[in-house]
Amino acid sequence: MSGAEHFDVLIVGAGISGIGAAWHLQRQCPGKRYVVLESQAGFGGTWRTHRYPGIRSDSDLFTFGYRFKPWMGPPIASAAEILAYLGEVIDENGLAPHIRYQHGIGSAGWSSEQRRWTITAIRPGADGQAETVQITAGFLWMCQGYYRHSEGFTPDWPGMARFGGRIVHPQTWPDDLDLAAKQVVVIGSGATAATLIPAIADQCAHVTMLQRSPTFFITGRNANELADMLRQLEIPSEWTHEIVRRKVLFDQAAFTRRCRAEPEVVRQELLAGVRAALGPGFEDQVQQHFNPRYRPWQQRIAFVPDADLFKAVRSGQASVVTDQIETFTETGIQLASGQLLEADIVVTATGFELNVLGDIAISVDGRPLDFAGTVAWRGTMFTDLPNLAWVFGYFRASWTLRADLLGDFVCRLLKHMDRRGATVVVPELRPQDEGMALGPWVDPDNFNPGYISRGVARLPKQGDHAPWLHSQDYWTEKDELPAADLDDGSLVYR
């Protein structure tokens, strides 16, 4: 493999995590030679993949944006606005020469003898045919996200083959889909459904949100009063960005604590918000369609800016049905209650297919990786897996918050290795860690979205004490990760 191009660090993915990783590496480790491999034809990840009507963030951009790049727009932003923001980060920091698009990674193999990774990627050749390229790297920074971009999750319901209309998933929204005068059923009740339905309500004859069970929603203006005030006072944008970020995070932390301390009080407050958004005459619908069985924040709470989903319901352009699917028919969906939902188009807003380490075939010294058999070190590195860090963001806070924290951590680790003269780092259980209780990657009582429940058996384990915990808690990690002891024996250097 002596002829393969070599880099100190190879970043997988040019979405929000990968672009952030490149910024941190270039800023904090300027001597490191790095490359970013991206399977798609351009940057953006999620915001490039998803093209369904209304696609927008479900986190505020003051915390979903990078800490180093002030966000100047509204709190909830469209995919186009987010892509423009990411493009500015790339242009302003000279990242473009380091990104190689249309490089889909098929395999990555670690060699303890060579102390490096060998990555095999597929890219378009000069003649338009696919060609294989091999690259070696000292460290793999996995920033590919957590779901499969090529396809979403659609359950296999009875009778789907006989349905005479079209069935589409938002993740692969067809360009030729004509909604005019159509009866549309959107299956699902999460952020995707809540975004899509108001965006198409005035295009089709009627749209129905069909849900198996309700979801919690928060409504509010797509504006931040503090940000607006600071901008009016002509406070520097960097100050405004940081002040608003801190206020948002302070409020989120208080809300998360309340969800655990007084869940029923929070439940009633959330339902009151929905009740106010729907207006008089919808009380029965609030109880039936918007009152989940689980406690607040046990699954992600979707933000509905300017109450647009509820405005569509209130106007009669959209409606909500809570029921079980018995079977598809030629003309619609037969429900367990006996009701038949007529449909020309069915949209399955039913979630993601979990992507584990980019669906890359990873091996260590020729042995296929048993990822589920590893134990996570602070939710980012793994036993038996040298020189690799995976960016997996937060469920209850913006993904980018953890991407920024891990950007600092990986750069600190790489510099620490250089000072030690080490070329290899791998987490290993210490004598005091042997025999500790192991649990799933995410505690289901803490958070249990469908994509995690379906794929948790493929994910690493976590322990019952630091540094083997995967807390999913930004407010803990923001203090613990920067202070994490790199020489406590849980990381072994060679």
Protein backbone atom coordinates (compact mmCIF):
# COMPACT_ATOMS: atom_id res chain seq x y z
CA MET A 1 0.00 0.00 0.00
CA SER A 2 3.04 2.22 -0.28
CA GLY A 3 1.57 4.00 -3.32
CA ALA A 4 -1.61 5.09 -1.54
CA GLU A 5 -2.02 8.78 -0.72
CA HIS A 6 -1.56 9.32 3.03
CA PHE A 7 -3.12 11.82 5.45
CA ASP A 8 -2.73 12.36 9.17
CA VAL A 9 -6.51 12.55 9.58
CA LEU A 10 -9.33 11.41 7.31
CA ILE A 11 -12.76 12.96 8.01
CA VAL A 12 -15.77 10.96 6.81
CA GLY A 13 -18.61 13.18 5.65
CA ALA A 14 -19.02 16.84 4.65
CA GLY A 15 -22.18 17.58 6.59
CA ILE A 16 -22.40 19.82 9.62
CA SER A 17 -20.15 17.50 11.69
CA GLY A 18 -17.49 17.02 9.01
CA ILE A 19 -17.26 20.69 8.08
CA GLY A 20 -16.97 21.54 11.77
CA ALA A 21 -14.28 18.89 12.26
CA ALA A 22 -12.28 20.33 9.35
CA TRP A 23 -12.52 23.84 10.85
CA HIS A 24 -11.35 22.67 14.26
CA LEU A 25 -8.51 20.58 12.84
CA GLN A 26 -7.29 23.37 10.58
CA ARG A 27 -7.48 25.92 13.39
CA GLN A 28 -6.15 23.86 16.31
CA CYS A 29 -3.78 21.43 14.56
CA PRO A 30 -2.48 23.42 11.58
CA GLY A 31 0.37 21.00 10.97
CA LYS A 32 -1.92 18.02 10.34
CA ARG A 33 -2.57 16.99 6.76
CA TYR A 34 -6.20 16.02 6.34
CA VAL A 35 -8.86 15.16 3.78
CA VAL A 36 -12.67 15.04 3.90
CA LEU A 37 -14.39 12.29 1.90
CA GLU A 38 -18.06 12.84 1.05
CA SER A 39 -20.21 10.33 -0.84
CA GLN A 40 -22.64 12.93 -2.19
CA ALA A 41 -21.93 15.41 -4.98
CA GLY A 42 -21.83 18.35 -2.58
CA PHE A 43 -21.65 19.38 1.05
CA GLY A 44 -24.50 19.57 3.53
CA GLY A 45 -25.37 16.00 4.50
CA THR A 46 -28.93 16.02 5.86
CA TRP A 47 -29.65 19.40 4.30
CA ARG A 48 -28.65 18.12 0.89
CA THR A 49 -30.34 14.72 1.17
CA HIS A 50 -33.77 15.96 2.24
CA ARG A 51 -35.67 17.86 -0.43
CA TYR A 52 -39.27 17.50 0.69
CA PRO A 53 -41.45 20.62 0.84
CA GLY A 54 -40.85 22.85 3.85
CA ILE A 55 -37.63 21.13 5.00
CA ARG A 56 -36.30 23.11 7.96
CA SER A 57 -34.37 22.70 11.19
CA ASP A 58 -36.07 21.38 14.30
CA SER A 59 -33.42 23.00 16.53
CA ASP A 60 -32.71 26.70 16.92
CA LEU A 61 -29.84 27.88 14.74
CA PHE A 62 -28.18 29.75 17.58
CA THR A 63 -27.18 26.36 19.01
CA PHE A 64 -27.41 24.31 15.81
CA GLY A 65 -25.04 26.76 14.16
CA TYR A 66 -21.37 26.56 15.05
CA ARG A 67 -20.12 28.44 18.09
CA PHE A 68 -17.48 30.09 15.89
CA LYS A 69 -19.85 31.35 13.19
CA PRO A 70 -22.60 33.78 14.25
CA TRP A 71 -26.08 32.93 12.97
CA MET A 72 -27.76 36.01 11.55
CA GLY A 73 -31.17 34.65 10.54
CA PRO A 74 -34.32 33.43 12.32
CA PRO A 75 -34.07 30.65 14.94
CA ILE A 76 -35.68 28.02 12.70
CA ALA A 77 -34.15 27.96 9.25
CA SER A 78 -34.85 26.30 5.92
CA ALA A 79 -32.51 23.78 4.35
CA ALA A 80 -31.47 26.38 1.76
CA GLU A 81 -30.51 28.85 4.51
CA ILE A 82 -28.50 26.19 6.37
CA LEU A 83 -26.71 25.13 3.17
CA ALA A 84 -25.82 28.76 2.48
CA TYR A 85 -24.44 29.06 6.04
CA LEU A 86 -22.32 25.92 5.62
CA GLY A 87 -21.07 27.19 2.27
CA GLU A 88 -19.90 30.38 3.96
CA VAL A 89 -17.96 28.36 6.56
CA ILE A 90 -16.23 26.44 3.77
CA ASP A 91 -15.43 29.57 1.73
CA GLU A 92 -14.37 31.79 4.62
CA ASN A 93 -11.94 29.21 5.98
CA GLY A 94 -10.51 27.73 2.79
CA LEU A 95 -11.86 24.25 3.44
CA ALA A 96 -12.91 23.45 -0.13
CA PRO A 97 -9.51 22.13 -1.35
CA HIS A 98 -9.62 19.48 1.39
CA ILE A 99 -13.06 18.07 0.48
CA ARG A 100 -13.43 15.30 -2.12
CA TYR A 101 -16.99 14.73 -3.22
CA GLN A 102 -18.51 11.56 -4.68
CA HIS A 103 -16.11 9.42 -2.68
CA GLY A 104 -18.23 6.68 -1.12
CA ILE A 105 -16.22 4.62 1.36
CA GLY A 106 -16.72 0.87 1.07
CA SER A 107 -14.20 -0.39 3.60
CA ALA A 108 -11.67 0.74 6.19
CA GLY A 109 -9.04 -1.58 7.62
CA TRP A 110 -6.72 -0.90 10.55
CA SER A 111 -3.24 -2.41 10.57
CA SER A 112 -1.47 -2.58 13.92
CA GLU A 113 1.78 -3.32 12.11
CA GLN A 114 1.56 -0.25 9.86
CA ARG A 115 -0.25 1.82 12.52
CA ARG A 116 -2.66 3.28 10.00
CA TRP A 117 -6.02 2.91 8.35
CA THR A 118 -6.43 1.91 4.72
CA ILE A 119 -9.63 3.29 3.22
CA THR A 120 -11.11 2.01 -0.03
CA ALA A 121 -13.44 4.46 -1.73
CA ILE A 122 -15.45 4.46 -4.96
CA ARG A 123 -15.48 7.59 -7.10
CA PRO A 124 -16.38 8.47 -10.71
CA GLY A 125 -13.48 7.92 -13.07
CA ALA A 126 -12.40 10.10 -15.96
CA ASP A 127 -14.44 7.95 -18.35
CA GLY A 128 -17.55 8.23 -16.21
CA GLN A 129 -17.20 4.70 -14.88
CA ALA A 130 -16.73 4.02 -11.18
CA GLU A 131 -13.16 3.51 -10.04
CA THR A 132 -11.60 2.41 -6.77
CA VAL A 133 -9.13 4.55 -4.88
CA GLN A 134 -7.20 3.72 -1.72
CA ILE A 135 -6.10 6.28 0.86
CA THR A 136 -4.26 5.70 4.12
CA ALA A 137 -4.73 7.74 7.27
CA GLY A 138 -3.37 7.83 10.79
CA PHE A 139 -6.74 8.73 12.36
CA LEU A 140 -10.38 8.32 11.29
CA TRP A 141 -12.84 11.03 12.31
CA MET A 142 -16.31 9.61 11.63
CA CYS A 143 -18.68 12.49 10.87
CA GLN A 144 -21.15 10.66 8.65
CA GLY A 145 -24.13 11.01 10.98
CA TYR A 146 -26.42 8.31 12.25
CA TYR A 147 -28.87 7.43 9.47
CA ARG A 148 -28.70 5.95 5.99
CA HIS A 149 -28.97 8.69 3.39
CA SER A 150 -29.93 6.38 0.52
CA GLU A 151 -33.25 5.26 2.01
CA GLY A 152 -35.59 5.99 4.89
CA PHE A 153 -37.48 3.56 7.10
CA THR A 154 -40.86 2.42 5.81
CA PRO A 155 -42.68 -0.40 7.62
CA ASP A 156 -44.00 -3.30 5.56
CA TRP A 157 -47.75 -2.90 5.95
CA PRO A 158 -50.21 -5.46 4.52
CA GLY A 159 -51.62 -4.61 1.11
CA MET A 160 -49.08 -2.02 0.07
CA ALA A 161 -48.56 -3.71 -3.29
CA ARG A 162 -52.23 -3.33 -4.25
CA PHE A 163 -52.47 0.37 -3.44
CA GLY A 164 -53.25 2.23 -6.66
CA GLY A 165 -51.65 5.52 -5.69
CA ARG A 166 -48.06 6.53 -4.96
CA ILE A 167 -46.14 5.77 -1.77
CA VAL A 168 -43.18 8.09 -1.11
CA HIS A 169 -40.75 8.64 1.73
CA PRO A 170 -39.75 12.25 2.51
CA GLN A 171 -36.08 11.29 2.36
CA THR A 172 -36.42 10.39 -1.33
CA TRP A 173 -39.02 12.96 -2.36
CA PRO A 174 -39.66 12.65 -6.14
CA ASP A 175 -39.34 15.77 -8.27
CA ASP A 176 -42.37 14.83 -10.36
CA LEU A 177 -44.85 14.41 -7.49
CA ASP A 178 -48.03 16.33 -8.35
CA LEU A 179 -50.12 17.14 -5.28
CA ALA A 180 -52.79 19.24 -6.98
CA ALA A 181 -56.34 18.13 -6.09
CA LYS A 182 -54.96 14.98 -4.42
CA GLN A 183 -55.98 13.32 -1.17
CA VAL A 184 -52.72 12.92 0.77
CA VAL A 185 -52.09 10.84 3.89
CA VAL A 186 -48.87 11.50 5.80
CA ILE A 187 -48.04 8.59 8.13
CA GLY A 188 -46.10 9.80 11.15
CA SER A 189 -46.24 12.53 13.75
CA GLY A 190 -42.65 13.66 14.28
CA ALA A 191 -40.78 16.73 13.11
CA THR A 192 -40.84 15.64 9.45
CA ALA A 193 -44.62 15.27 9.37
CA ALA A 194 -45.09 18.51 11.31
CA THR A 195 -42.91 20.31 8.77
CA LEU A 196 -44.29 18.70 5.61
CA ILE A 197 -48.01 18.97 6.31
CA PRO A 198 -48.30 22.78 6.56
CA ALA A 199 -46.00 23.12 3.54
CA ILE A 200 -48.32 21.09 1.27
CA ALA A 201 -51.72 21.79 2.89
CA ASP A 202 -52.66 24.47 0.37
CA GLN A 203 -51.40 22.45 -2.60
CA CYS A 204 -53.56 19.34 -2.25
CA ALA A 205 -57.29 18.68 -1.81
CA HIS A 206 -56.71 17.59 1.79
CA VAL A 207 -53.88 16.16 3.89
CA THR A 208 -54.33 13.81 6.83
CA MET A 209 -51.69 13.14 9.47
CA LEU A 210 -52.12 9.48 10.40
CA GLN A 211 -50.32 8.63 13.60
CA ARG A 212 -50.06 5.48 15.66
CA SER A 213 -49.60 7.57 18.78
CA PRO A 214 -49.35 11.31 19.55
CA THR A 215 -46.22 13.44 19.76
CA PHE A 216 -45.47 16.42 22.00
CA PHE A 217 -45.19 19.77 20.24
CA ILE A 218 -44.02 23.21 21.30
CA THR A 219 -45.29 26.25 19.43
CA GLY A 220 -43.85 29.72 19.24
CA ARG A 221 -42.83 32.57 16.97
CA ASN A 222 -39.96 31.92 14.60
CA ALA A 223 -38.07 34.73 16.24
CA ASN A 224 -35.84 35.29 19.23
CA GLU A 225 -36.72 38.46 21.12
CA LEU A 226 -33.33 38.70 22.83
CA ALA A 227 -31.49 38.37 19.50
CA ASP A 228 -33.77 40.94 17.89
CA MET A 229 -33.18 43.39 20.74
CA LEU A 230 -29.39 42.95 20.71
CA ARG A 231 -29.31 43.41 16.93
CA GLN A 232 -31.44 46.54 17.25
CA LEU A 233 -28.90 47.86 19.75
CA GLU A 234 -26.16 47.11 17.18
CA ILE A 235 -24.34 44.76 19.54
CA PRO A 236 -21.53 42.99 17.62
CA SER A 237 -22.82 39.81 15.97
CA GLU A 238 -20.28 37.62 17.81
CA TRP A 239 -21.54 38.91 21.17
CA THR A 240 -25.17 38.50 20.16
CA HIS A 241 -24.55 34.93 18.98
CA GLU A 242 -22.83 33.94 22.22
CA ILE A 243 -25.31 35.66 24.53
CA VAL A 244 -28.31 34.15 22.76
CA ARG A 245 -26.69 30.71 22.68
CA ARG A 246 -26.16 30.86 26.44
CA LYS A 247 -29.73 31.99 27.07
CA VAL A 248 -31.15 29.23 24.85
CA LEU A 249 -29.02 26.61 26.56
CA PHE A 250 -29.95 27.92 30.01
CA ASP A 251 -33.65 27.69 29.14
CA GLN A 252 -33.24 24.22 27.60
CA ALA A 253 -31.46 22.92 30.69
CA ALA A 254 -34.20 24.25 32.97
CA PHE A 255 -36.90 22.72 30.76
CA THR A 256 -35.15 19.33 30.66
CA ARG A 257 -34.88 19.28 34.45
CA ARG A 258 -38.56 20.11 34.77
CA CYS A 259 -39.52 17.30 32.37
CA ARG A 260 -37.98 14.81 34.78
CA ALA A 261 -38.95 16.52 38.04
CA GLU A 262 -42.56 17.39 37.21
CA PRO A 263 -43.51 15.64 33.96
CA GLU A 264 -47.27 15.97 34.39
CA VAL A 265 -47.05 19.71 34.99
CA VAL A 266 -44.98 20.09 31.83
CA ARG A 267 -47.44 17.86 29.96
CA GLN A 268 -50.32 20.17 30.82
CA GLU A 269 -48.30 23.22 29.79
CA LEU A 270 -47.51 21.66 26.40
CA LEU A 271 -51.14 20.68 25.87
CA ALA A 272 -52.21 24.20 26.80
CA GLY A 273 -49.95 25.52 24.04
CA VAL A 274 -51.54 23.20 21.48
CA ARG A 275 -55.01 24.12 22.77
CA ALA A 276 -54.27 27.80 22.30
CA ALA A 277 -52.86 27.23 18.81
CA LEU A 278 -55.91 25.25 17.67
CA GLY A 279 -58.46 27.56 19.25
CA PRO A 280 -62.01 26.86 20.45
CA GLY A 281 -63.80 23.70 19.40
CA PHE A 282 -60.75 21.41 19.27
CA GLU A 283 -60.58 20.28 22.90
CA ASP A 284 -61.41 16.66 22.06
CA GLN A 285 -58.69 16.63 19.40
CA VAL A 286 -56.10 17.91 21.86
CA GLN A 287 -56.75 15.02 24.22
CA GLN A 288 -57.02 12.40 21.49
CA HIS A 289 -54.29 13.45 19.06
CA PHE A 290 -51.72 15.51 20.98
CA ASN A 291 -51.42 13.85 24.41
CA PRO A 292 -48.67 11.19 24.22
CA ARG A 293 -48.41 8.13 26.44
CA TYR A 294 -44.75 8.84 27.28
CA ARG A 295 -43.45 11.66 29.47
CA PRO A 296 -42.14 14.88 27.94
CA TRP A 297 -38.65 14.57 26.40
CA GLN A 298 -38.63 10.76 26.46
CA GLN A 299 -38.79 11.30 22.73
CA ARG A 300 -37.78 14.42 20.85
CA ILE A 301 -40.23 17.31 21.12
CA ALA A 302 -40.97 18.91 17.77
CA PHE A 303 -41.03 22.71 17.54
CA VAL A 304 -43.80 24.15 15.36
CA PRO A 305 -42.80 27.70 14.36
CA ASP A 306 -45.65 30.16 14.17
CA ALA A 307 -48.06 27.25 14.87
CA ASP A 308 -48.25 26.51 11.12
CA LEU A 309 -49.25 22.85 11.60
CA PHE A 310 -52.13 23.82 13.88
CA LYS A 311 -53.23 26.62 11.56
CA ALA A 312 -53.58 24.04 8.78
CA VAL A 313 -55.71 21.83 11.04
CA ARG A 314 -57.80 24.75 12.23
CA SER A 315 -58.48 25.86 8.65
CA GLY A 316 -59.70 22.41 7.65
CA GLN A 317 -56.93 21.90 5.07
CA ALA A 318 -55.38 19.24 7.31
CA SER A 319 -56.71 16.77 9.86
CA VAL A 320 -55.28 14.28 12.34
CA VAL A 321 -56.23 10.62 12.82
CA THR A 322 -54.82 8.46 15.61
CA ASP A 323 -55.27 4.78 14.77
CA GLN A 324 -53.52 1.59 13.69
CA ILE A 325 -53.08 0.56 10.05
CA GLU A 326 -54.82 -2.74 9.31
CA THR A 327 -54.12 -2.86 5.59
CA PHE A 328 -53.68 -0.79 2.48
CA THR A 329 -56.50 -1.06 -0.06
CA GLU A 330 -56.62 -0.15 -3.73
CA THR A 331 -57.84 3.34 -2.84
CA GLY A 332 -56.41 4.09 0.58
CA ILE A 333 -55.76 2.75 4.08
CA GLN A 334 -58.08 0.59 6.14
CA LEU A 335 -57.68 1.35 9.85
CA ALA A 336 -58.11 -0.94 12.82
CA SER A 337 -61.15 1.10 13.90
CA GLY A 338 -62.88 0.28 10.62
CA GLN A 339 -62.38 3.74 9.11
CA LEU A 340 -61.16 3.91 5.52
CA LEU A 341 -58.83 6.80 4.65
CA GLU A 342 -59.08 7.52 0.94
CA ALA A 343 -55.71 8.47 -0.54
CA ASP A 344 -54.09 9.26 -3.85
CA ILE A 345 -50.66 9.71 -2.27
CA VAL A 346 -49.26 8.22 0.94
CA VAL A 347 -46.17 9.79 2.48
CA THR A 348 -44.35 7.56 4.96
CA ALA A 349 -42.77 10.03 7.39
CA THR A 350 -41.84 7.03 9.52
CA GLY A 351 -38.23 7.72 10.36
CA PHE A 352 -34.71 6.69 9.52
CA GLU A 353 -32.71 3.54 8.93
CA LEU A 354 -29.90 3.61 11.48
CA ASN A 355 -26.46 3.91 9.93
CA VAL A 356 -23.69 2.37 12.02
CA LEU A 357 -20.29 3.93 11.28
CA GLY A 358 -21.43 4.88 7.82
CA ASP A 359 -22.29 1.29 6.86
CA ILE A 360 -18.57 0.95 6.14
CA ALA A 361 -17.05 -2.53 6.37
CA ILE A 362 -14.50 -1.94 9.14
CA SER A 363 -11.84 -4.43 10.10
CA VAL A 364 -9.00 -4.47 12.62
CA ASP A 365 -5.96 -6.53 11.63
CA GLY A 366 -8.06 -8.43 9.12
CA ARG A 367 -10.92 -9.24 11.52
CA PRO A 368 -14.36 -7.71 10.85
CA LEU A 369 -15.33 -5.29 13.61
CA ASP A 370 -17.97 -6.45 16.08
CA PHE A 371 -19.11 -2.93 16.93
CA ALA A 372 -21.85 -4.10 19.29
CA GLY A 373 -19.19 -5.94 21.28
CA THR A 374 -17.25 -2.76 22.05
CA VAL A 375 -17.65 -0.40 25.00
CA ALA A 376 -17.92 3.33 24.33
CA TRP A 377 -15.39 5.73 25.85
CA ARG A 378 -17.34 8.95 26.53
CA GLY A 379 -19.63 8.05 23.65
CA THR A 380 -17.03 8.81 20.98
CA MET A 381 -14.19 6.22 21.03
CA PHE A 382 -14.48 2.45 21.42
CA THR A 383 -12.58 -0.47 22.88
CA ASP A 384 -10.76 -2.61 20.27
CA LEU A 385 -10.99 0.25 17.76
CA PRO A 386 -7.72 2.26 17.51
CA ASN A 387 -7.39 5.82 16.23
CA LEU A 388 -11.06 6.46 15.59
CA ALA A 389 -13.63 8.94 16.94
CA TRP A 390 -17.33 9.02 16.04
CA VAL A 391 -19.39 12.20 16.26
CA PHE A 392 -22.83 11.28 17.56
CA GLY A 393 -24.79 14.35 18.61
CA TYR A 394 -27.43 15.06 21.21
CA PHE A 395 -31.07 14.04 21.22
CA ARG A 396 -32.33 16.85 23.46
CA ALA A 397 -29.99 19.59 22.30
CA SER A 398 -28.59 20.63 18.95
CA TRP A 399 -26.34 18.11 17.19
CA THR A 400 -23.68 20.74 16.57
CA LEU A 401 -23.11 21.37 20.27
CA ARG A 402 -21.48 17.95 20.57
CA ALA A 403 -19.75 18.28 17.20
CA ASP A 404 -18.02 21.41 18.55
CA LEU A 405 -17.14 19.74 21.87
CA LEU A 406 -15.70 16.72 20.07
CA GLY A 407 -13.82 19.01 17.69
CA ASP A 408 -11.97 20.39 20.70
CA PHE A 409 -11.51 16.94 22.19
CA VAL A 410 -10.10 15.22 19.09
CA CYS A 411 -7.66 18.07 18.49
CA ARG A 412 -6.57 17.95 22.14
CA LEU A 413 -6.10 14.18 21.85
CA LEU A 414 -4.04 14.44 18.66
CA LYS A 415 -1.75 17.06 20.22
CA HIS A 416 -1.45 14.93 23.36
CA MET A 417 -0.38 11.97 21.24
CA ASP A 418 2.25 14.09 19.53
CA ARG A 419 3.66 15.21 22.87
CA ARG A 420 3.86 11.58 24.02
CA GLY A 421 5.40 10.44 20.74
CA ALA A 422 2.48 8.04 20.26
CA THR A 423 0.95 7.06 16.93
CA VAL A 424 -1.79 4.80 18.32
CA VAL A 425 -4.52 5.38 20.90
CA VAL A 426 -7.22 2.90 21.87
CA PRO A 427 -9.62 2.73 24.83
CA GLU A 428 -9.14 -0.29 27.10
CA LEU A 429 -10.98 -1.34 30.24
CA ARG A 430 -8.77 -0.89 33.31
CA PRO A 431 -8.65 -3.42 36.15
CA GLN A 432 -11.17 -1.32 38.09
CA ASP A 433 -13.53 -1.39 35.07
CA GLU A 434 -13.57 -5.16 34.63
CA GLY A 435 -16.92 -6.63 35.52
CA MET A 436 -18.79 -3.31 35.52
CA ALA A 437 -22.43 -3.49 34.47
CA LEU A 438 -22.91 -2.82 30.76
CA GLY A 439 -26.01 -1.22 29.31
CA PRO A 440 -27.27 -0.21 25.86
CA TRP A 441 -25.84 2.71 23.90
CA VAL A 442 -28.83 4.77 25.05
CA ASP A 443 -30.91 4.06 28.16
CA PRO A 444 -34.42 3.41 26.75
CA ASP A 445 -36.01 4.95 29.82
CA ASN A 446 -34.08 8.12 29.06
CA PHE A 447 -34.75 8.29 25.32
CA ASN A 448 -36.37 5.78 22.98
CA PRO A 449 -36.97 6.95 19.40
CA GLY A 450 -37.87 4.26 16.90
CA TYR A 451 -34.60 4.27 14.96
CA ILE A 452 -32.62 3.65 18.14
CA SER A 453 -35.01 0.96 19.39
CA ARG A 454 -34.79 -0.84 16.04
CA GLY A 455 -30.99 -0.66 15.82
CA VAL A 456 -29.67 -0.61 19.39
CA ALA A 457 -28.43 -4.22 19.10
CA ARG A 458 -25.92 -3.02 16.48
CA LEU A 459 -24.50 -0.26 18.69
CA PRO A 460 -21.78 -0.34 21.38
CA LYS A 461 -22.44 -0.74 25.07
CA GLN A 462 -21.88 1.82 27.79
CA GLY A 463 -20.68 1.22 31.33
CA ASP A 464 -21.97 2.40 34.68
CA HIS A 465 -19.27 4.96 35.46
CA ALA A 466 -16.99 7.46 33.72
CA PRO A 467 -15.36 7.40 31.26
CA TRP A 468 -17.59 4.62 29.92
CA LEU A 469 -20.86 6.53 30.19
CA HIS A 470 -22.69 7.90 27.14
CA SER A 471 -24.71 10.48 29.04
CA GLN A 472 -26.31 12.29 26.08
CA ASP A 473 -26.26 15.32 28.38
CA TYR A 474 -24.71 18.47 26.94
CA TRP A 475 -24.84 20.28 30.26
CA THR A 476 -22.66 17.58 31.83
CA GLU A 477 -20.33 17.05 28.88
CA LYS A 478 -19.59 20.75 28.30
CA ASP A 479 -17.63 20.64 31.57
CA GLU A 480 -16.44 17.03 31.59
CA LEU A 481 -15.12 16.61 28.04
CA PRO A 482 -12.70 19.57 28.11
CA ALA A 483 -11.37 18.33 31.47
CA ALA A 484 -11.28 14.62 30.61
CA ASP A 485 -8.05 13.02 31.87
CA LEU A 486 -6.24 11.59 28.85
CA ASP A 487 -3.78 9.73 31.09
CA ASP A 488 -6.08 7.96 33.55
CA GLY A 489 -5.25 4.57 32.03
CA SER A 490 -8.51 4.18 30.06
CA LEU A 491 -6.71 5.29 26.89
CA VAL A 492 -3.69 3.21 25.95
CA TYR A 493 -0.98 4.79 23.77
CA ARG A 494 1.61 3.09 21.63
